[in-house]
Amino acid sequence: MEYKPGVDVHGKPVAPADLPDGYAIEVPTSIDIAITADIARRFGIATNNLYRGEAQIGTVTVQGNQVLFNGKPMQSAAEADLIALCAKTPH
């Protein structure tokens, strides 16, 4: 069967797949990722809605092709340290 726009394989009309203009997504120039440690879970402390037991270690920012940790460019040693820290942290 040959392709025909606007109809399905049985010849019934279908809605077009094109979306109207105005739904463009703007990609941010930078993306921030909070690096946290669940201290309560690590030490077996019970939490509730008032206490989460989470500590922020820092922020990783991706700007174009550059990765920053707390505003400073990540170098090989810092990147390896961050990967090791994430591997140790229970998920």
N, C-alpha and C. Protein backbone atom coordinates (compact mmCIF):
# COMPACT_ATOMS: atom_id res chain seq x y z
N MET A 1 0.84 -1.18 0.00
CA MET A 1 0.00 0.00 0.00
C MET A 1 0.89 1.24 0.00
N GLU A 2 0.55 2.19 -0.81
CA GLU A 2 1.30 3.42 -0.93
C GLU A 2 0.88 4.40 0.16
N TYR A 3 1.85 5.18 0.66
CA TYR A 3 1.59 6.19 1.69
C TYR A 3 0.68 7.28 1.15
N LYS A 4 -0.33 7.63 1.97
CA LYS A 4 -1.21 8.75 1.65
C LYS A 4 -1.32 9.62 2.89
N PRO A 5 -0.92 10.89 2.80
CA PRO A 5 -0.98 11.75 3.99
C PRO A 5 -2.42 11.97 4.44
N GLY A 6 -2.61 11.99 5.78
CA GLY A 6 -3.91 12.29 6.36
C GLY A 6 -4.85 11.12 6.51
N VAL A 7 -4.43 9.91 6.10
CA VAL A 7 -5.30 8.73 6.26
C VAL A 7 -4.47 7.57 6.81
N ASP A 8 -5.17 6.65 7.54
CA ASP A 8 -4.47 5.48 8.06
C ASP A 8 -4.45 4.37 7.01
N VAL A 9 -3.98 3.18 7.37
CA VAL A 9 -3.85 2.08 6.41
C VAL A 9 -5.19 1.59 5.89
N HIS A 10 -6.27 1.94 6.59
CA HIS A 10 -7.61 1.53 6.18
C HIS A 10 -8.34 2.63 5.41
N GLY A 11 -7.63 3.76 5.16
CA GLY A 11 -8.24 4.84 4.41
C GLY A 11 -9.04 5.81 5.26
N LYS A 12 -9.03 5.62 6.59
CA LYS A 12 -9.78 6.53 7.48
C LYS A 12 -8.92 7.75 7.79
N PRO A 13 -9.57 8.93 7.91
CA PRO A 13 -8.80 10.16 8.19
C PRO A 13 -8.15 10.12 9.57
N VAL A 14 -6.96 10.68 9.68
CA VAL A 14 -6.23 10.77 10.95
C VAL A 14 -5.77 12.21 11.15
N ALA A 15 -5.53 12.56 12.42
CA ALA A 15 -5.04 13.91 12.74
C ALA A 15 -3.60 14.03 12.28
N PRO A 16 -3.23 15.19 11.78
CA PRO A 16 -1.84 15.36 11.35
C PRO A 16 -0.88 15.31 12.54
N ALA A 17 0.32 14.85 12.31
CA ALA A 17 1.33 14.75 13.36
C ALA A 17 2.01 16.08 13.65
N ASP A 18 1.85 17.05 12.76
CA ASP A 18 2.48 18.35 12.94
C ASP A 18 1.81 19.10 14.08
N LEU A 19 2.63 19.71 14.94
CA LEU A 19 2.12 20.53 16.03
C LEU A 19 2.09 21.98 15.57
N PRO A 20 1.12 22.75 16.07
CA PRO A 20 1.09 24.17 15.70
C PRO A 20 2.31 24.90 16.26
N ASP A 21 2.68 26.00 15.62
CA ASP A 21 3.81 26.81 16.11
C ASP A 21 3.51 27.34 17.49
N GLY A 22 4.56 27.72 18.21
CA GLY A 22 4.38 28.29 19.53
C GLY A 22 4.76 27.33 20.65
N TYR A 23 5.17 26.13 20.32
CA TYR A 23 5.54 25.16 21.34
C TYR A 23 7.04 24.90 21.33
N ALA A 24 7.80 25.83 20.82
CA ALA A 24 9.24 25.66 20.75
C ALA A 24 9.83 25.60 22.16
N ILE A 25 10.76 24.70 22.35
CA ILE A 25 11.43 24.55 23.64
C ILE A 25 12.75 25.29 23.58
N GLU A 26 12.97 26.16 24.55
CA GLU A 26 14.24 26.86 24.62
C GLU A 26 15.19 26.06 25.48
N VAL A 27 16.31 25.69 24.91
CA VAL A 27 17.31 24.94 25.65
C VAL A 27 18.08 25.92 26.51
N PRO A 28 18.20 25.64 27.83
CA PRO A 28 18.91 26.58 28.69
C PRO A 28 20.40 26.65 28.32
N THR A 29 21.01 27.78 28.61
CA THR A 29 22.44 27.93 28.32
C THR A 29 23.29 27.19 29.34
N SER A 30 22.72 26.93 30.52
CA SER A 30 23.43 26.14 31.52
C SER A 30 22.43 25.28 32.29
N ILE A 31 22.92 24.16 32.80
CA ILE A 31 22.09 23.25 33.59
C ILE A 31 22.80 23.04 34.92
N ASP A 32 22.09 23.27 36.03
CA ASP A 32 22.64 23.08 37.37
C ASP A 32 22.12 21.78 37.96
N ILE A 33 23.02 21.00 38.56
CA ILE A 33 22.67 19.74 39.19
C ILE A 33 23.18 19.78 40.63
N ALA A 34 22.26 19.72 41.59
CA ALA A 34 22.65 19.74 43.00
C ALA A 34 23.21 18.37 43.38
N ILE A 35 24.37 18.36 44.01
CA ILE A 35 24.99 17.13 44.51
C ILE A 35 24.71 17.09 46.01
N THR A 36 23.98 16.07 46.43
CA THR A 36 23.58 15.97 47.83
C THR A 36 23.98 14.61 48.40
N ALA A 37 24.00 14.54 49.72
CA ALA A 37 24.24 13.28 50.43
C ALA A 37 23.10 13.09 51.41
N ASP A 38 22.53 11.90 51.42
CA ASP A 38 21.45 11.58 52.35
C ASP A 38 22.08 11.15 53.68
N ILE A 39 22.36 12.13 54.52
CA ILE A 39 23.03 11.90 55.80
C ILE A 39 22.18 11.03 56.72
N ALA A 40 20.89 11.29 56.76
CA ALA A 40 20.00 10.51 57.64
C ALA A 40 20.04 9.04 57.27
N ARG A 41 19.94 8.75 56.00
CA ARG A 41 19.95 7.35 55.56
C ARG A 41 21.30 6.71 55.84
N ARG A 42 22.36 7.45 55.59
CA ARG A 42 23.71 6.91 55.80
C ARG A 42 23.94 6.52 57.26
N PHE A 43 23.39 7.33 58.20
CA PHE A 43 23.59 7.06 59.62
C PHE A 43 22.38 6.41 60.29
N GLY A 44 21.39 6.02 59.51
CA GLY A 44 20.23 5.32 60.05
C GLY A 44 19.33 6.18 60.91
N ILE A 45 19.22 7.45 60.61
CA ILE A 45 18.38 8.37 61.37
C ILE A 45 17.01 8.44 60.71
N ALA A 46 15.96 8.25 61.49
CA ALA A 46 14.60 8.32 60.95
C ALA A 46 14.29 9.76 60.53
N THR A 47 13.57 9.89 59.42
CA THR A 47 13.17 11.21 58.93
C THR A 47 11.65 11.29 58.86
N ASN A 48 11.16 12.51 58.70
CA ASN A 48 9.73 12.73 58.52
C ASN A 48 9.56 13.88 57.54
N ASN A 49 8.36 14.40 57.43
CA ASN A 49 8.11 15.49 56.49
C ASN A 49 8.80 16.80 56.88
N LEU A 50 9.18 16.95 58.15
CA LEU A 50 9.83 18.17 58.59
C LEU A 50 11.35 18.09 58.48
N TYR A 51 11.88 16.88 58.49
CA TYR A 51 13.33 16.69 58.46
C TYR A 51 13.69 15.69 57.39
N ARG A 52 14.51 16.10 56.44
CA ARG A 52 14.88 15.19 55.35
C ARG A 52 16.26 14.59 55.55
N GLY A 53 17.13 15.25 56.28
CA GLY A 53 18.45 14.71 56.54
C GLY A 53 19.36 14.70 55.34
N GLU A 54 19.23 15.70 54.49
CA GLU A 54 20.02 15.76 53.27
C GLU A 54 20.96 16.96 53.35
N ALA A 55 22.21 16.76 52.93
CA ALA A 55 23.18 17.84 52.93
C ALA A 55 23.62 18.11 51.49
N GLN A 56 23.68 19.38 51.11
CA GLN A 56 24.14 19.71 49.77
C GLN A 56 25.66 19.79 49.80
N ILE A 57 26.28 19.02 48.92
CA ILE A 57 27.73 18.98 48.83
C ILE A 57 28.24 20.06 47.90
N GLY A 58 27.50 20.31 46.84
CA GLY A 58 27.90 21.31 45.87
C GLY A 58 26.96 21.31 44.68
N THR A 59 27.34 22.05 43.64
CA THR A 59 26.53 22.14 42.43
C THR A 59 27.41 21.91 41.22
N VAL A 60 26.98 21.00 40.37
CA VAL A 60 27.64 20.78 39.09
C VAL A 60 26.86 21.58 38.06
N THR A 61 27.55 22.40 37.29
CA THR A 61 26.93 23.21 36.25
C THR A 61 27.51 22.81 34.90
N VAL A 62 26.62 22.55 33.95
CA VAL A 62 27.05 22.24 32.59
C VAL A 62 26.73 23.45 31.73
N GLN A 63 27.78 24.03 31.16
CA GLN A 63 27.64 25.20 30.28
C GLN A 63 28.32 24.86 28.96
N GLY A 64 27.51 24.58 27.96
CA GLY A 64 28.09 24.19 26.67
C GLY A 64 28.88 22.90 26.84
N ASN A 65 30.16 22.95 26.52
CA ASN A 65 31.04 21.78 26.66
C ASN A 65 31.84 21.80 27.95
N GLN A 66 31.55 22.74 28.83
CA GLN A 66 32.33 22.88 30.07
C GLN A 66 31.50 22.41 31.25
N VAL A 67 32.16 21.70 32.18
CA VAL A 67 31.53 21.24 33.41
C VAL A 67 32.22 21.92 34.58
N LEU A 68 31.40 22.57 35.43
CA LEU A 68 31.93 23.30 36.58
C LEU A 68 31.41 22.66 37.87
N PHE A 69 32.24 22.64 38.90
CA PHE A 69 31.79 22.21 40.23
C PHE A 69 31.95 23.40 41.15
N ASN A 70 30.85 23.88 41.70
CA ASN A 70 30.82 25.09 42.53
C ASN A 70 31.49 26.27 41.83
N GLY A 71 31.23 26.40 40.52
CA GLY A 71 31.71 27.53 39.75
C GLY A 71 33.12 27.40 39.21
N LYS A 72 33.82 26.32 39.57
CA LYS A 72 35.19 26.14 39.09
C LYS A 72 35.24 25.00 38.08
N PRO A 73 36.03 25.16 37.01
CA PRO A 73 36.12 24.09 36.02
C PRO A 73 36.58 22.78 36.65
N MET A 74 35.91 21.71 36.27
CA MET A 74 36.31 20.39 36.78
C MET A 74 37.50 19.91 35.99
N GLN A 75 38.48 19.45 36.70
CA GLN A 75 39.66 18.88 36.09
C GLN A 75 39.62 17.38 36.30
N SER A 76 40.50 16.67 35.71
CA SER A 76 40.50 15.21 35.78
C SER A 76 40.44 14.68 37.20
N ALA A 77 41.26 15.21 38.12
CA ALA A 77 41.28 14.73 39.51
C ALA A 77 39.96 15.02 40.20
N ALA A 78 39.40 16.22 40.00
CA ALA A 78 38.13 16.57 40.62
C ALA A 78 37.00 15.71 40.08
N GLU A 79 37.04 15.45 38.80
CA GLU A 79 36.02 14.61 38.18
C GLU A 79 36.09 13.19 38.74
N ALA A 80 37.28 12.67 38.90
CA ALA A 80 37.45 11.32 39.46
C ALA A 80 36.97 11.28 40.91
N ASP A 81 37.26 12.33 41.68
CA ASP A 81 36.80 12.39 43.07
C ASP A 81 35.27 12.41 43.15
N LEU A 82 34.64 13.17 42.26
CA LEU A 82 33.18 13.25 42.25
C LEU A 82 32.56 11.90 41.88
N ILE A 83 33.14 11.23 40.90
CA ILE A 83 32.64 9.91 40.50
C ILE A 83 32.77 8.93 41.67
N ALA A 84 33.90 8.97 42.37
CA ALA A 84 34.11 8.09 43.53
C ALA A 84 33.11 8.39 44.63
N LEU A 85 32.85 9.66 44.90
CA LEU A 85 31.88 10.04 45.92
C LEU A 85 30.49 9.55 45.57
N CYS A 86 30.10 9.72 44.31
CA CYS A 86 28.78 9.26 43.87
C CYS A 86 28.66 7.73 43.95
N ALA A 87 29.75 7.02 43.67
CA ALA A 87 29.72 5.56 43.72
C ALA A 87 29.56 5.07 45.16
N LYS A 88 30.10 5.79 46.13
CA LYS A 88 30.00 5.41 47.54
C LYS A 88 28.63 5.71 48.13
N THR A 89 27.97 6.73 47.62
CA THR A 89 26.70 7.20 48.17
C THR A 89 25.59 6.22 47.83
N PRO A 90 24.88 5.69 48.86
CA PRO A 90 23.76 4.76 48.57
C PRO A 90 22.64 5.50 47.85
N HIS A 91 22.01 4.81 46.93
CA HIS A 91 20.94 5.43 46.14
C HIS A 91 19.60 5.09 46.71
